Protein backbone atom coordinates (compact mmCIF):
# COMPACT_ATOMS: atom_id res chain seq x y z
CA MET A 1 -104.99 -18.66 16.43
CA GLN A 2 -101.52 -18.09 17.79
CA GLU A 3 -100.15 -20.54 20.37
CA THR A 4 -99.33 -18.88 23.70
CA ASP A 5 -97.67 -19.67 26.97
CA GLN A 6 -99.01 -17.92 30.09
CA THR A 7 -95.54 -16.84 31.24
CA ARG A 8 -94.08 -15.91 27.86
CA GLY A 9 -96.91 -14.68 25.64
CA PRO A 10 -97.11 -15.52 21.91
CA LEU A 11 -94.81 -18.31 20.75
CA GLY A 12 -94.81 -17.31 17.08
CA LEU A 13 -94.38 -14.19 15.00
CA THR A 14 -97.29 -11.92 14.15
CA PRO A 15 -98.31 -12.57 10.52
CA ILE A 16 -98.38 -9.75 7.96
CA ASP A 17 -101.51 -9.19 5.90
CA PRO A 18 -100.45 -9.62 2.23
CA ALA A 19 -102.81 -6.74 1.31
CA LEU A 20 -100.24 -4.46 2.95
CA LEU A 21 -98.09 -5.04 -0.16
CA GLY A 22 -100.33 -2.38 -1.72
CA ARG A 23 -98.28 0.04 0.38
CA PRO A 24 -94.77 -1.39 -0.11
CA ILE A 25 -92.92 0.91 2.32
CA ASP A 26 -95.44 0.02 5.02
CA TYR A 27 -94.94 -3.66 4.17
CA LEU A 28 -91.15 -3.33 4.50
CA HIS A 29 -91.69 -1.67 7.88
CA ALA A 30 -93.99 -4.53 8.93
CA VAL A 31 -91.25 -7.04 8.05
CA HIS A 32 -88.86 -4.99 10.19
CA LEU A 33 -91.32 -5.28 13.08
CA ARG A 34 -91.42 -9.06 12.57
CA GLU A 35 -87.63 -9.12 12.61
CA ARG A 36 -87.68 -7.23 15.93
CA GLU A 37 -90.13 -9.85 17.24
CA ALA A 38 -87.75 -12.58 16.06
CA CYS A 39 -84.91 -10.84 17.92
CA ALA A 40 -87.00 -10.73 21.10
CA ILE A 41 -87.71 -14.44 20.76
CA LEU A 42 -83.99 -15.13 20.21
CA ASP A 43 -83.21 -13.19 23.38
CA ARG A 44 -85.86 -15.11 25.31
CA ILE A 45 -84.48 -18.42 24.03
CA ALA A 46 -80.96 -17.37 24.99
CA ASP A 47 -82.15 -16.33 28.47
CA LEU A 48 -83.88 -19.68 29.03
CA GLY A 49 -81.27 -21.81 27.29
CA ARG A 50 -84.00 -23.62 25.37
CA ALA A 51 -86.95 -22.99 23.06
CA SER A 52 -90.40 -24.37 22.54
CA ALA A 53 -90.92 -26.11 19.22
CA ALA A 54 -93.29 -23.29 18.17
CA GLU A 55 -90.72 -20.57 18.92
CA ALA A 56 -87.88 -22.37 17.17
CA THR A 57 -90.01 -23.20 14.12
CA SER A 58 -91.42 -19.68 13.87
CA VAL A 59 -88.03 -17.95 13.97
CA MET A 60 -86.36 -20.53 11.70
CA ALA A 61 -89.11 -20.04 9.10
CA PHE A 62 -88.70 -16.27 9.27
CA LEU A 63 -84.90 -16.43 8.95
CA SER A 64 -84.88 -19.09 6.21
CA ASP A 65 -87.90 -18.11 4.13
CA GLU A 66 -89.05 -14.54 4.76
CA LEU A 67 -85.81 -12.69 5.53
CA PRO A 68 -84.02 -13.62 2.27
CA VAL A 69 -87.01 -12.40 0.23
CA HIS A 70 -87.09 -9.19 2.26
CA LEU A 71 -83.36 -8.59 1.71
CA GLU A 72 -83.91 -9.09 -2.01
CA ASP A 73 -86.76 -6.54 -1.91
CA GLU A 74 -84.36 -4.03 -0.45
CA GLU A 75 -81.22 -4.76 -2.46
CA THR A 76 -82.80 -5.46 -5.86
CA ASP A 77 -85.57 -2.89 -5.84
CA LEU A 78 -85.59 -0.36 -3.00
CA PHE A 79 -81.88 0.51 -2.92
CA PRO A 80 -81.60 1.24 -6.67
CA LEU A 81 -84.78 3.33 -6.58
CA LEU A 82 -83.38 5.39 -3.72
CA GLN A 83 -80.04 5.82 -5.47
CA GLY A 84 -81.93 7.25 -8.43
CA ARG A 85 -84.03 9.64 -6.33
CA CYS A 86 -81.84 10.80 -3.45
CA THR A 87 -79.68 13.90 -3.70
CA GLU A 88 -75.94 14.01 -3.15
CA GLU A 89 -76.54 15.70 0.21
CA ASP A 90 -78.59 12.67 1.32
CA GLU A 91 -75.39 10.58 1.25
CA ILE A 92 -77.51 7.54 0.46
CA ASP A 93 -74.56 5.61 -0.99
CA ARG A 94 -72.82 5.52 2.41
CA LEU A 95 -75.98 4.25 4.07
CA LEU A 96 -76.61 1.62 1.40
CA GLU A 97 -73.02 0.41 1.61
CA LYS A 98 -73.45 -0.13 5.37
CA LEU A 99 -76.81 -1.87 4.91
CA ARG A 100 -75.42 -4.17 2.21
CA SER A 101 -72.56 -5.07 4.52
CA ASP A 102 -75.08 -5.89 7.26
CA HIS A 103 -77.03 -8.04 4.79
CA ARG A 104 -73.87 -10.02 3.95
CA HIS A 105 -73.31 -10.45 7.70
CA ALA A 106 -76.87 -11.81 8.04
CA ASP A 107 -76.36 -14.15 5.06
CA PHE A 108 -73.26 -15.56 6.76
CA ASP A 109 -74.64 -15.81 10.33
CA THR A 110 -78.22 -16.94 9.70
CA PRO A 111 -77.39 -20.59 8.91
CA ARG A 112 -75.56 -20.91 12.25
CA VAL A 113 -78.50 -19.38 14.11
CA THR A 114 -81.02 -21.66 12.41
CA ALA A 115 -78.82 -24.67 13.22
CA ILE A 116 -78.85 -23.65 16.89
CA LEU A 117 -82.62 -23.23 16.77
CA GLY A 118 -82.98 -26.64 15.15
CA ASN A 119 -81.73 -28.23 18.37
CA ALA A 120 -83.01 -25.63 20.83
CA THR A 121 -85.91 -27.66 22.24
CA SER A 122 -83.46 -29.97 24.01
CA GLY A 123 -81.36 -27.14 25.46
CA ILE A 124 -78.64 -24.81 24.24
CA GLU A 125 -75.05 -24.44 25.40
CA PRO A 126 -73.99 -21.02 26.79
CA ALA A 127 -71.80 -20.27 23.75
CA ALA A 128 -74.75 -20.85 21.43
CA CYS A 129 -76.93 -18.62 23.63
CA ALA A 130 -74.30 -15.89 23.27
CA GLU A 131 -74.40 -16.40 19.47
CA LEU A 132 -78.18 -15.89 19.47
CA ARG A 133 -77.80 -12.68 21.49
CA ARG A 134 -75.06 -11.33 19.17
CA TYR A 135 -77.20 -12.05 16.13
CA ALA A 136 -80.24 -10.33 17.65
CA ASP A 137 -78.18 -7.31 18.77
CA HIS A 138 -76.67 -6.88 15.30
CA ALA A 139 -80.09 -7.19 13.65
CA ARG A 140 -81.59 -4.56 15.97
CA ARG A 141 -78.79 -2.08 15.19
CA HIS A 142 -79.39 -2.70 11.48
CA LEU A 143 -83.14 -2.13 11.89
CA ILE A 144 -82.52 1.20 13.60
CA LEU A 145 -80.75 2.43 10.44
CA GLU A 146 -83.43 1.04 8.17
CA ASN A 147 -86.39 2.39 10.11
CA ALA A 148 -84.93 5.74 11.16
CA ILE A 149 -83.15 6.63 7.92
CA LEU A 150 -83.78 4.30 4.97
CA LEU A 151 -87.58 4.15 5.16
CA ARG A 152 -87.79 7.88 5.87
CA PHE A 153 -85.84 8.57 2.69
CA ALA A 154 -88.11 6.14 0.84
CA ARG A 155 -91.22 8.00 2.01
CA LEU A 156 -89.64 11.35 1.21
CA ARG A 157 -87.96 10.66 -2.13
CA LEU A 158 -89.84 7.89 -3.93
CA THR A 159 -92.54 8.89 -6.38
CA GLU A 160 -95.92 7.20 -6.77
CA GLN A 161 -94.54 5.46 -9.86
CA ASP A 162 -91.53 4.22 -7.85
CA SER A 163 -93.87 2.84 -5.19
CA GLU A 164 -95.91 1.10 -7.87
CA MET A 165 -92.76 -0.48 -9.32
CA LEU A 166 -91.70 -1.59 -5.84
CA ARG A 167 -95.15 -3.02 -5.12
CA THR A 168 -95.17 -4.94 -8.39
CA ALA A 169 -91.73 -6.44 -7.80
CA MET A 170 -92.50 -7.38 -4.20
CA THR A 171 -95.82 -9.05 -5.03
CA ARG A 172 -94.29 -11.01 -7.91
CA ARG A 173 -91.39 -12.12 -5.74
CA ARG A 174 -93.94 -13.62 -3.35
CA GLY A 175 -95.90 -15.27 -6.13
CA LEU A 176 -98.89 -12.99 -5.55
CA ASP A 177 -100.80 -10.79 -7.94
CA PHE A 178 -103.08 -7.79 -7.53
CA PRO A 179 -105.81 -7.14 -10.11
CA PRO A 180 -104.34 -5.72 -13.35
CA GLY A 181 -104.17 -1.95 -13.33
CA ALA A 182 -105.03 -1.70 -9.62
CA ARG A 183 -103.45 1.30 -7.96
CA HIS A 184 -102.16 0.98 -4.42
CA ALA A 185 -100.90 4.41 -3.48
CA GLU A 186 -98.43 4.84 -0.68
CA ARG A 187 -99.92 6.19 2.56
CA PRO A 188 -99.07 9.88 3.09
CA SER A 189 -96.48 10.52 5.79
């Protein structure tokens, strides 16, 4: 059961059902939704100038544990698959260059954000609150590109075999395994 506060709602992030890995593009989208939730929590923390232990812990775990694995899913598996399937007119290389740049930005900024969150239960200075807002704003702009363009191309261009390869890599990366030979077809658009 998720901890709640009457005035602020859930204090943690909504968990993702691992079975969704059977539809890897849907799973990537679900992680994006969690990242949007994390951004909303960061904004709320910045507005209040403090965080509950549950909020801070939830967002720190997402940023430190889940986000790096997700970025690896995209950069190691999804991006190369799209480069192999997209047409020249899709201009996927320009998009992927921008997304990789955003990922490097996240790699650089995330440790500072988690450090702020580590001390957020006792209050946060205004400059640190501004840092949380900047981080959340940048992440939301990045998610717009991924959800509106990247995942649409993935649904349009990737084959069933590509989706199976993506599913296999993502489940292995998480130390999970589906039954051998199980097929987990991508949901039709």
